[in-house]
């Protein structure tokens, strides 16, 4: 289990309108975890509880999550994985944790960007989510791989102007390794988006894509999938069918002291304000080991969500930047300092931004693995 205590400053923590928005805060995070593995099966149970206490103007905020991840090698050719999670968090408050560096490179392993719904902007909006993901990977030969995966998300907001939604997707992917540095294949995604209080905006999407993965050097790898999404959306009267480009791409460099990844994605997804939207995102992360005890992380992203495929409204836009420095004091204790910037605009064109800085300390208890 880890315990993190930090202090932070935000110029506008909830991306609210007005001039008097800045506040200092104290943060306390508990993150217990249990991991077991026998080489064939593995199980990890983890949780997170974060309390944010603001010194002025705002009430306290809490971010909670629990996750169970399991994997099992059924035989030498068949593997199964499953992941279940629940979370309750206030958007825009959760900037203190470290960012990823693109460890999952395969196009079939890229997470769905549904967790990055940029229409859920500021104003103290809380999202409660239950999520489940399962997959099977079958390797009939040393050159071929077949993977089936299924994902489901249930999002609940408790706010009259936001739309509760359920989302489910199925993915079937085939890939063939041509040589040690090049793999090609195909992916078919099918998804359903349902909104709880109305049928307007409900949608079904089918997306066939071509997938490729290539080693561009001993430390550089590129992967992606590219195709089209065909979406049928319920309107107030009848249905509408639309076609758009869909896919994702990742380029990663893994060095002895540094890692760097750039990625991009485009997908049709349900949004918090109702209706499915075309969301396009691009980002980059960089990590550098300065010494045996010091590390530096940098990251940034840009996302835009179109007007809903059914209904009215304009585009949403989000820009984020992040930097984090860590120093290991001993095996169980580390100090960190982080800075973050976010800038957003909503469907009426109003822009809001937040600058955050934080310093803190993390203690690790139990097994440090």
Protein backbone atom coordinates (compact mmCIF):
# COMPACT_ATOMS: atom_id res chain seq x y z
CA UNK A 1 0.00 0.00 0.00
CA UNK A 2 1.17 3.53 -0.71
CA UNK A 3 0.23 6.73 1.12
CA UNK A 4 0.72 10.10 -0.57
CA UNK A 5 0.41 13.52 1.05
CA UNK A 6 0.75 16.69 -1.00
CA UNK A 7 -0.09 20.36 -1.17
CA UNK A 8 -1.23 22.01 -4.39
CA UNK A 9 -2.26 25.31 -5.93
CA UNK A 10 -4.89 25.64 -8.66
CA UNK A 11 -5.76 28.82 -10.52
CA UNK A 12 -9.18 27.35 -11.44
CA UNK A 13 -9.58 23.76 -10.17
CA UNK A 14 -13.11 23.19 -11.54
CA UNK A 15 -12.78 25.24 -14.74
CA UNK A 16 -15.46 27.62 -13.51
CA UNK A 17 -16.38 31.04 -14.86
CA UNK A 18 -15.43 34.17 -12.96
CA UNK A 19 -12.35 35.92 -11.61
CA UNK A 20 -12.12 34.62 -8.03
CA UNK A 21 -11.33 30.97 -8.73
CA UNK A 22 -7.84 30.20 -7.35
CA UNK A 23 -7.31 28.00 -4.30
CA UNK A 24 -4.65 26.07 -2.42
CA UNK A 25 -5.38 22.51 -1.33
CA UNK A 26 -4.13 19.62 0.76
CA UNK A 27 -4.34 16.12 -0.70
CA UNK A 28 -4.18 12.71 0.94
CA UNK A 29 -4.22 9.50 -1.10
CA UNK A 30 -4.33 5.85 0.01
CA UNK A 31 -3.65 3.21 -2.65
CA UNK A 32 -3.71 -0.40 -1.36
CA UNK A 33 -2.89 -3.30 -3.71
CA UNK A 34 -2.45 -7.08 -3.60
CA UNK A 35 -0.65 -9.05 -6.30
CA UNK A 36 -0.30 -12.81 -6.68
CA UNK A 37 1.23 -14.85 -9.52
CA UNK A 38 2.36 -18.45 -10.01
CA UNK A 39 3.70 -18.00 -13.55
CA UNK A 40 0.48 -19.32 -15.12
CA UNK A 41 -2.18 -17.16 -13.46
CA UNK A 42 -2.00 -13.72 -11.93
CA UNK A 43 -4.36 -11.62 -9.85
CA UNK A 44 -4.06 -7.99 -8.82
CA UNK A 45 -6.55 -6.18 -6.59
CA UNK A 46 -6.01 -2.48 -6.15
CA UNK A 47 -7.86 0.55 -4.89
CA UNK A 48 -7.46 4.28 -4.50
CA UNK A 49 -8.99 6.82 -2.16
CA UNK A 50 -8.07 10.49 -2.57
CA UNK A 51 -9.34 13.37 -0.45
CA UNK A 52 -8.78 16.95 -1.61
CA UNK A 53 -9.35 19.68 0.98
CA UNK A 54 -9.46 23.21 -0.41
CA UNK A 55 -8.31 26.08 1.78
CA UNK A 56 -10.97 28.50 0.51
CA UNK A 57 -14.04 28.86 -1.69
CA UNK A 58 -14.59 25.18 -2.57
CA UNK A 59 -15.93 22.21 -0.65
CA UNK A 60 -13.70 19.13 -0.43
CA UNK A 61 -13.59 16.58 -3.27
CA UNK A 62 -13.06 12.83 -3.27
CA UNK A 63 -11.82 10.46 -5.99
CA UNK A 64 -12.39 6.73 -5.43
CA UNK A 65 -11.63 3.61 -7.44
CA UNK A 66 -11.27 -0.16 -7.12
CA UNK A 67 -9.88 -2.58 -9.70
CA UNK A 68 -9.51 -6.34 -10.14
CA UNK A 69 -7.24 -7.59 -12.95
CA UNK A 70 -6.64 -11.27 -13.69
CA UNK A 71 -4.85 -13.31 -16.34
CA UNK A 72 -4.58 -17.05 -16.98
CA UNK A 73 -2.64 -19.13 -19.48
CA UNK A 74 -5.14 -21.82 -20.44
CA UNK A 75 -2.59 -23.69 -22.53
CA UNK A 76 0.49 -22.89 -24.59
CA UNK A 77 -1.63 -21.29 -27.32
CA UNK A 78 -4.51 -19.67 -25.42
CA UNK A 79 -4.43 -16.84 -22.86
CA UNK A 80 -7.29 -15.08 -21.09
CA UNK A 81 -7.39 -11.73 -19.30
CA UNK A 82 -10.11 -9.87 -17.43
CA UNK A 83 -10.37 -6.50 -15.76
CA UNK A 84 -13.19 -5.10 -13.63
CA UNK A 85 -13.30 -1.66 -12.05
CA UNK A 86 -15.53 0.90 -10.39
CA UNK A 87 -14.70 4.56 -9.92
CA UNK A 88 -16.17 7.82 -8.71
CA UNK A 89 -14.25 10.98 -9.51
CA UNK A 90 -14.62 14.69 -10.12
CA UNK A 91 -13.21 15.65 -13.49
CA UNK A 92 -10.28 18.14 -13.62
CA UNK A 93 -9.14 17.45 -10.03
CA UNK A 94 -6.99 14.38 -10.69
CA UNK A 95 -3.65 15.69 -12.02
CA UNK A 96 -1.17 14.61 -9.31
CA UNK A 97 -0.59 10.97 -10.35
CA UNK A 98 2.17 9.95 -12.80
CA UNK A 99 1.41 9.62 -16.48
CA UNK A 100 1.94 6.53 -18.62
CA UNK A 101 4.72 6.01 -21.14
CA UNK A 102 3.06 3.74 -23.69
CA UNK A 103 4.02 0.29 -22.45
CA UNK A 104 1.21 -1.32 -24.48
CA UNK A 105 2.18 -0.99 -28.12
CA UNK A 106 -0.10 -3.34 -29.99
CA UNK A 107 -3.14 -1.80 -31.70
CA UNK A 108 -5.37 -4.42 -30.09
CA UNK A 109 -4.10 -3.45 -26.63
CA UNK A 110 -4.81 0.27 -26.91
CA UNK A 111 -7.42 1.30 -24.32
CA UNK A 112 -10.70 2.77 -25.49
CA UNK A 113 -10.61 6.57 -25.17
CA UNK A 114 -14.08 6.54 -23.61
CA UNK A 115 -12.44 7.32 -20.26
CA UNK A 116 -11.26 10.62 -21.74
CA UNK A 117 -14.64 12.20 -22.47
CA UNK A 118 -13.74 15.84 -23.04
CA UNK A 119 -17.39 16.91 -23.03
CA UNK A 120 -17.27 16.34 -19.25
CA UNK A 121 -15.68 19.70 -18.47
CA UNK A 122 -15.36 21.41 -15.10
CA UNK A 123 -18.17 22.73 -12.97
CA UNK A 124 -17.56 20.00 -10.38
CA UNK A 125 -19.04 17.24 -12.51
CA UNK A 126 -18.76 13.80 -10.89
CA UNK A 127 -18.78 10.61 -12.91
CA UNK A 128 -19.52 7.20 -11.43
CA UNK A 129 -18.37 4.42 -13.72
CA UNK A 130 -18.45 0.63 -13.73
CA UNK A 131 -16.23 -1.03 -16.34
CA UNK A 132 -15.46 -4.56 -17.49
CA UNK A 133 -12.99 -5.85 -20.09
CA UNK A 134 -12.27 -9.46 -21.06
CA UNK A 135 -10.12 -10.87 -23.85
CA UNK A 136 -8.89 -14.16 -25.30
CA UNK A 137 -5.68 -14.47 -27.31
CA UNK A 138 -5.13 -17.56 -29.45
CA UNK A 139 -1.88 -18.27 -31.33
CA UNK A 140 -2.54 -21.17 -33.78
CA UNK A 141 1.01 -20.89 -35.17
CA UNK A 142 4.16 -19.00 -34.28
CA UNK A 143 3.26 -16.44 -36.97
CA UNK A 144 -0.48 -15.99 -36.39
CA UNK A 145 -2.56 -14.49 -33.59
CA UNK A 146 -6.33 -14.21 -33.13
CA UNK A 147 -7.72 -12.01 -30.39
CA UNK A 148 -11.29 -11.46 -29.21
CA UNK A 149 -12.08 -8.78 -26.66
CA UNK A 150 -15.21 -7.34 -25.11
CA UNK A 151 -15.64 -4.09 -23.18
CA UNK A 152 -18.53 -2.49 -21.31
CA UNK A 153 -18.92 0.87 -19.57
CA UNK A 154 -21.78 2.24 -17.47
CA UNK A 155 -21.49 5.98 -16.78
CA UNK A 156 -23.71 7.74 -14.23
CA UNK A 157 -23.55 11.47 -13.43
CA UNK A 158 -26.43 12.43 -11.13
CA UNK A 159 -26.80 15.77 -12.91
CA UNK A 160 -29.91 16.81 -14.81
CA UNK A 161 -28.02 18.27 -17.77
CA UNK A 162 -25.79 15.21 -18.26
CA UNK A 163 -26.83 11.96 -19.89
CA UNK A 164 -26.26 8.61 -18.18
CA UNK A 165 -25.08 6.07 -20.74
CA UNK A 166 -24.18 2.42 -21.30
CA UNK A 167 -21.55 1.41 -23.84
CA UNK A 168 -20.54 -2.06 -25.04
CA UNK A 169 -18.11 -3.13 -27.74
CA UNK A 170 -16.84 -6.34 -29.30
CA UNK A 171 -13.52 -6.61 -31.13
CA UNK A 172 -12.15 -9.41 -33.28
CA UNK A 173 -8.58 -9.06 -34.53
CA UNK A 174 -6.25 -11.20 -36.60
CA UNK A 175 -2.56 -10.53 -37.17
CA UNK A 176 0.25 -12.35 -38.98
CA UNK A 177 3.94 -11.80 -38.36
CA UNK A 178 5.66 -11.47 -41.73
CA UNK A 179 9.15 -11.28 -40.24
CA UNK A 180 10.82 -10.27 -36.98
CA UNK A 181 10.06 -6.61 -37.59
CA UNK A 182 6.71 -6.45 -39.37
CA UNK A 183 3.16 -7.63 -38.55
CA UNK A 184 -0.04 -7.02 -40.51
CA UNK A 185 -3.65 -7.89 -39.83
CA UNK A 186 -7.25 -6.77 -39.59
CA UNK A 187 -9.61 -5.56 -36.86
CA UNK A 188 -13.40 -5.38 -36.72
CA UNK A 189 -15.03 -3.32 -33.95
CA UNK A 190 -18.75 -3.32 -33.23
CA UNK A 191 -20.24 -1.13 -30.49
CA UNK A 192 -23.58 -0.02 -29.07
CA UNK A 193 -24.21 3.26 -27.22
CA UNK A 194 -27.44 3.65 -25.22
CA UNK A 195 -28.61 6.67 -23.22
CA UNK A 196 -30.79 5.99 -20.19
CA UNK A 197 -33.38 8.77 -20.38
CA UNK A 198 -33.91 9.04 -24.12
CA UNK A 199 -33.60 7.03 -27.30
CA UNK A 200 -32.46 10.08 -29.27
CA UNK A 201 -28.73 9.72 -29.79
CA UNK A 202 -28.58 5.94 -29.28
CA UNK A 203 -26.19 4.52 -31.85
CA UNK A 204 -24.66 1.38 -33.32
CA UNK A 205 -21.19 1.51 -34.89
CA UNK A 206 -19.28 -0.94 -37.06
CA UNK A 207 -15.61 -0.24 -37.77
CA UNK A 208 -13.40 -2.47 -39.98
CA UNK A 209 -9.72 -1.54 -39.86
CA UNK A 210 -6.35 -2.66 -41.18
CA UNK A 211 -3.66 -3.06 -38.49
CA UNK A 212 0.12 -2.89 -38.84
CA UNK A 213 3.08 -3.06 -36.47
CA UNK A 214 6.71 -2.49 -37.42
CA UNK A 215 10.08 -2.31 -35.71
CA UNK A 216 11.82 0.72 -37.17
CA UNK A 217 15.00 0.04 -35.23
CA UNK A 218 16.23 -1.83 -32.20
CA UNK A 219 14.44 0.62 -29.89
CA UNK A 220 11.75 2.20 -32.07
CA UNK A 221 8.36 0.62 -32.75
CA UNK A 222 5.31 1.87 -34.64
CA UNK A 223 1.83 0.37 -34.62
CA UNK A 224 -1.68 1.35 -35.56
CA UNK A 225 -4.99 0.46 -37.13
CA UNK A 226 -6.78 2.48 -39.81
CA UNK A 227 -10.22 2.19 -41.33
CA UNK A 228 -13.78 3.55 -41.34
CA UNK A 229 -16.63 3.72 -38.85
CA UNK A 230 -20.22 3.31 -40.03
CA UNK A 231 -22.66 4.70 -37.46
CA UNK A 232 -26.45 4.48 -37.36
CA UNK A 233 -27.93 7.02 -34.93
CA UNK A 234 -31.49 7.39 -33.66
CA UNK A 235 -32.96 10.82 -34.37
CA UNK A 236 -36.18 12.44 -33.14
CA UNK A 237 -37.71 11.17 -36.39
CA UNK A 238 -36.09 8.18 -38.07
CA UNK A 239 -32.41 7.30 -38.19
CA UNK A 240 -29.25 8.74 -39.68
CA UNK A 241 -26.26 6.84 -41.10
CA UNK A 242 -22.84 8.45 -41.18
CA UNK A 243 -19.32 7.38 -42.19
CA UNK A 244 -16.06 8.69 -40.77
CA UNK A 245 -12.38 7.79 -40.57
CA UNK A 246 -11.40 5.81 -37.47
CA UNK A 247 -8.21 4.36 -36.10
CA UNK A 248 -5.22 4.84 -33.84
CA UNK A 249 -1.46 5.06 -34.14
CA UNK A 250 1.48 4.85 -31.72
CA UNK A 251 5.19 5.48 -32.15
CA UNK A 252 7.42 4.60 -29.19
CA UNK A 253 11.13 4.77 -28.46
CA UNK A 254 12.49 2.81 -25.49
CA UNK A 255 16.03 3.65 -24.45
CA UNK A 256 18.15 2.63 -21.53
CA UNK A 257 17.46 5.91 -19.68
CA UNK A 258 14.53 7.44 -21.55
CA UNK A 259 11.18 6.48 -23.10
CA UNK A 260 9.16 8.52 -25.59
CA UNK A 261 5.76 7.88 -27.16
CA UNK A 262 3.43 9.78 -29.46
CA UNK A 263 -0.06 8.53 -30.15
CA UNK A 264 -3.31 9.49 -31.80
CA UNK A 265 -6.82 8.08 -32.06
CA UNK A 266 -10.18 8.78 -33.65
CA UNK A 267 -13.37 7.01 -32.61
CA UNK A 268 -17.13 7.44 -32.32
CA UNK A 269 -18.07 7.51 -28.62
CA UNK A 270 -20.96 8.48 -26.32
CA UNK A 271 -20.57 11.85 -24.59
CA UNK A 272 -21.67 13.09 -21.20
CA UNK A 273 -23.89 15.80 -22.67
CA UNK A 274 -25.77 13.28 -24.81
CA UNK A 275 -25.36 11.71 -28.24
CA UNK A 276 -22.38 10.01 -29.82
CA UNK A 277 -19.55 12.16 -31.13
CA UNK A 278 -16.44 11.83 -33.24
CA UNK A 279 -13.52 12.34 -30.85
CA UNK A 280 -9.97 12.87 -32.10
CA UNK A 281 -7.02 12.87 -29.69
CA UNK A 282 -3.25 13.20 -30.02
CA UNK A 283 -0.64 13.13 -27.29
CA UNK A 284 2.96 12.56 -26.33
CA UNK A 285 4.79 11.36 -23.22
CA UNK A 286 8.46 11.42 -22.30
CA UNK A 287 10.27 9.97 -19.30
CA UNK A 288 13.94 10.33 -18.39
CA UNK A 289 15.99 8.76 -15.62
CA UNK A 290 18.22 11.60 -14.46
CA UNK A 291 20.12 9.41 -12.02
CA UNK A 292 19.62 6.23 -10.01
CA UNK A 293 17.26 8.16 -7.72
CA UNK A 294 15.75 10.84 -9.96
CA UNK A 295 13.23 10.68 -12.81
CA UNK A 296 11.45 13.26 -14.95
CA UNK A 297 8.18 12.90 -16.86
CA UNK A 298 6.65 15.24 -19.43
CA UNK A 299 3.40 14.89 -21.33
CA UNK A 300 0.79 16.71 -23.33
CA UNK A 301 -2.40 16.05 -25.27
CA UNK A 302 -4.87 17.71 -27.59
CA UNK A 303 -8.43 16.45 -28.10
CA UNK A 304 -11.44 17.66 -30.03
CA UNK A 305 -14.96 16.24 -30.00
CA UNK A 306 -17.33 17.12 -32.81
CA UNK A 307 -20.92 18.21 -32.56
CA UNK A 308 -23.19 15.23 -31.77
CA UNK A 309 -24.22 13.08 -34.69
CA UNK A 310 -27.81 13.62 -33.50
CA UNK A 311 -28.95 16.95 -32.04
CA UNK A 312 -27.46 20.43 -31.84
CA UNK A 313 -24.30 21.93 -30.37
CA UNK A 314 -20.77 22.76 -31.36
CA UNK A 315 -17.31 21.32 -30.92
CA UNK A 316 -15.43 20.72 -27.66
CA UNK A 317 -11.68 21.17 -27.35
CA UNK A 318 -9.16 20.22 -24.65
CA UNK A 319 -5.44 20.94 -24.29
CA UNK A 320 -3.39 19.51 -21.43
CA UNK A 321 0.25 19.61 -20.40
CA UNK A 322 2.04 17.89 -17.55
CA UNK A 323 5.46 17.67 -15.88
CA UNK A 324 6.57 15.61 -12.89
CA UNK A 325 9.89 15.24 -11.05
CA UNK A 326 10.54 12.42 -8.56
CA UNK A 327 13.42 11.72 -6.21
CA UNK A 328 13.74 8.40 -4.40
CA UNK A 329 14.89 8.95 -0.82
CA UNK A 330 15.02 5.25 0.04
CA UNK A 331 13.34 2.01 -0.99
CA UNK A 332 9.99 3.11 0.46
CA UNK A 333 9.95 6.91 0.29
CA UNK A 334 10.00 9.35 -2.61
CA UNK A 335 9.46 13.08 -3.06
CA UNK A 336 7.75 14.60 -6.09
CA UNK A 337 6.88 17.93 -7.62
CA UNK A 338 4.41 18.29 -10.48
CA UNK A 339 2.91 21.01 -12.64
CA UNK A 340 -0.11 20.82 -14.92
CA UNK A 341 -1.98 23.02 -17.36
CA UNK A 342 -5.40 22.49 -18.89
CA UNK A 343 -7.34 24.63 -21.33
CA UNK A 344 -10.84 23.80 -22.54
CA UNK A 345 -13.61 25.25 -24.66
CA UNK A 346 -17.22 24.08 -24.73
CA UNK A 347 -19.96 24.05 -27.35
CA UNK A 348 -20.69 27.77 -26.91
CA UNK A 349 -17.04 28.70 -27.43
CA UNK A 350 -16.29 29.74 -23.83
CA UNK A 351 -12.67 29.01 -22.83
CA UNK A 352 -11.50 28.16 -19.33
CA UNK A 353 -8.06 27.15 -18.09
CA UNK A 354 -6.30 25.93 -14.96
CA UNK A 355 -2.68 26.01 -13.85
CA UNK A 356 -1.73 23.57 -11.10
CA UNK A 357 1.40 22.99 -9.08
CA UNK A 358 1.90 20.34 -6.39
CA UNK A 359 4.64 19.00 -4.11
CA UNK A 360 4.35 15.90 -1.98
CA UNK A 361 5.78 12.73 -0.50
CA UNK A 362 4.84 9.07 -1.00
CA UNK A 363 5.41 6.23 1.49
CA UNK A 364 5.28 2.59 0.39
CA UNK A 365 4.24 -0.08 2.90
CA UNK A 366 4.47 -3.85 2.50
CA UNK A 367 5.94 -5.44 -0.62
CA UNK A 368 7.45 -2.70 -2.82
CA UNK A 369 7.15 -4.76 -6.02
